[in-house]
Amino acid sequence: MATAHSLFTLKEASYLQSLPAVKRVTATRITYEESFKVECVR
């Protein structure tokens, strides 16, 4: 699992990208779909 100072592995990034709540994954960051963010706040 990635920590604050490490990169996501290809396997981790691929899994994260497959989740409906995830818009984009880079080696160090996850960007969530707007609908997911709105639901979290609601």
N, C-alpha and C. Protein backbone atom coordinates (compact mmCIF):
# COMPACT_ATOMS: atom_id res chain seq x y z
N MET A 1 0.84 -1.19 0.00
CA MET A 1 0.00 0.00 0.00
C MET A 1 0.88 1.25 0.00
N ALA A 2 0.46 2.26 -0.70
CA ALA A 2 1.22 3.50 -0.80
C ALA A 2 1.16 4.27 0.52
N THR A 3 2.27 4.87 0.86
CA THR A 3 2.32 5.73 2.03
C THR A 3 2.55 7.15 1.55
N ALA A 4 2.71 8.07 2.48
CA ALA A 4 2.88 9.48 2.12
C ALA A 4 4.10 9.71 1.25
N HIS A 5 5.08 8.81 1.30
CA HIS A 5 6.32 9.03 0.57
C HIS A 5 6.60 7.95 -0.47
N SER A 6 5.59 7.20 -0.85
CA SER A 6 5.82 6.16 -1.85
C SER A 6 4.84 6.31 -3.01
N LEU A 7 5.04 5.50 -4.01
CA LEU A 7 4.21 5.54 -5.21
C LEU A 7 3.25 4.35 -5.21
N PHE A 8 2.11 4.51 -5.86
CA PHE A 8 1.22 3.37 -6.05
C PHE A 8 1.88 2.41 -7.02
N THR A 9 1.75 1.12 -6.75
CA THR A 9 2.22 0.13 -7.71
C THR A 9 1.25 0.12 -8.89
N LEU A 10 1.65 -0.49 -9.98
CA LEU A 10 0.75 -0.60 -11.13
C LEU A 10 -0.51 -1.37 -10.76
N LYS A 11 -0.37 -2.39 -9.95
CA LYS A 11 -1.52 -3.18 -9.52
C LYS A 11 -2.48 -2.34 -8.68
N GLU A 12 -1.94 -1.56 -7.75
CA GLU A 12 -2.77 -0.69 -6.92
C GLU A 12 -3.47 0.36 -7.76
N ALA A 13 -2.73 1.00 -8.66
CA ALA A 13 -3.31 2.04 -9.51
C ALA A 13 -4.40 1.47 -10.39
N SER A 14 -4.18 0.30 -10.92
CA SER A 14 -5.18 -0.35 -11.78
C SER A 14 -6.46 -0.64 -10.99
N TYR A 15 -6.30 -1.15 -9.78
CA TYR A 15 -7.46 -1.43 -8.93
C TYR A 15 -8.21 -0.14 -8.60
N LEU A 16 -7.48 0.88 -8.17
CA LEU A 16 -8.11 2.15 -7.82
C LEU A 16 -8.86 2.73 -9.01
N GLN A 17 -8.26 2.67 -10.19
CA GLN A 17 -8.89 3.21 -11.40
C GLN A 17 -10.18 2.48 -11.74
N SER A 18 -10.29 1.23 -11.32
CA SER A 18 -11.49 0.44 -11.62
C SER A 18 -12.68 0.80 -10.73
N LEU A 19 -12.45 1.55 -9.66
CA LEU A 19 -13.53 1.91 -8.75
C LEU A 19 -14.38 3.03 -9.33
N PRO A 20 -15.70 2.93 -9.20
CA PRO A 20 -16.60 3.95 -9.77
C PRO A 20 -16.39 5.35 -9.19
N ALA A 21 -15.91 5.44 -7.97
CA ALA A 21 -15.73 6.74 -7.32
C ALA A 21 -14.47 7.46 -7.79
N VAL A 22 -13.59 6.75 -8.48
CA VAL A 22 -12.29 7.31 -8.87
C VAL A 22 -12.34 7.81 -10.31
N LYS A 23 -11.95 9.07 -10.48
CA LYS A 23 -11.89 9.67 -11.80
C LYS A 23 -10.55 9.41 -12.47
N ARG A 24 -9.46 9.57 -11.69
CA ARG A 24 -8.12 9.44 -12.25
C ARG A 24 -7.14 9.03 -11.15
N VAL A 25 -6.12 8.27 -11.55
CA VAL A 25 -5.07 7.87 -10.62
C VAL A 25 -3.72 8.17 -11.25
N THR A 26 -2.85 8.81 -10.48
CA THR A 26 -1.46 8.97 -10.90
C THR A 26 -0.63 8.16 -9.92
N ALA A 27 0.66 8.20 -10.06
CA ALA A 27 1.53 7.43 -9.17
C ALA A 27 1.42 7.87 -7.72
N THR A 28 1.00 9.10 -7.50
CA THR A 28 0.97 9.64 -6.14
C THR A 28 -0.37 10.21 -5.70
N ARG A 29 -1.36 10.21 -6.57
CA ARG A 29 -2.60 10.93 -6.25
C ARG A 29 -3.83 10.23 -6.82
N ILE A 30 -4.93 10.35 -6.08
CA ILE A 30 -6.24 9.85 -6.53
C ILE A 30 -7.15 11.06 -6.69
N THR A 31 -7.81 11.17 -7.85
CA THR A 31 -8.81 12.20 -8.08
C THR A 31 -10.17 11.51 -8.13
N TYR A 32 -11.09 12.02 -7.32
CA TYR A 32 -12.41 11.39 -7.22
C TYR A 32 -13.42 12.07 -8.14
N GLU A 33 -14.43 11.29 -8.54
CA GLU A 33 -15.53 11.80 -9.35
C GLU A 33 -16.30 12.85 -8.54
N GLU A 34 -16.82 13.84 -9.23
CA GLU A 34 -17.58 14.91 -8.57
C GLU A 34 -18.78 14.34 -7.81
N SER A 35 -19.47 13.39 -8.41
CA SER A 35 -20.65 12.80 -7.76
C SER A 35 -20.28 12.13 -6.43
N PHE A 36 -19.12 11.53 -6.38
CA PHE A 36 -18.66 10.90 -5.14
C PHE A 36 -18.36 11.94 -4.08
N LYS A 37 -17.73 13.02 -4.46
CA LYS A 37 -17.41 14.09 -3.51
C LYS A 37 -18.69 14.72 -2.96
N VAL A 38 -19.66 14.93 -3.82
CA VAL A 38 -20.94 15.52 -3.38
C VAL A 38 -21.63 14.58 -2.40
N GLU A 39 -21.64 13.31 -2.70
CA GLU A 39 -22.29 12.33 -1.82
C GLU A 39 -21.59 12.27 -0.46
N CYS A 40 -20.28 12.37 -0.44
CA CYS A 40 -19.54 12.35 0.83
C CYS A 40 -19.90 13.55 1.69
N VAL A 41 -20.08 14.69 1.09
CA VAL A 41 -20.41 15.90 1.84
C VAL A 41 -21.86 15.85 2.32
N ARG A 42 -22.71 15.27 1.47
CA ARG A 42 -24.12 15.20 1.82
C ARG A 42 -24.28 14.37 3.06
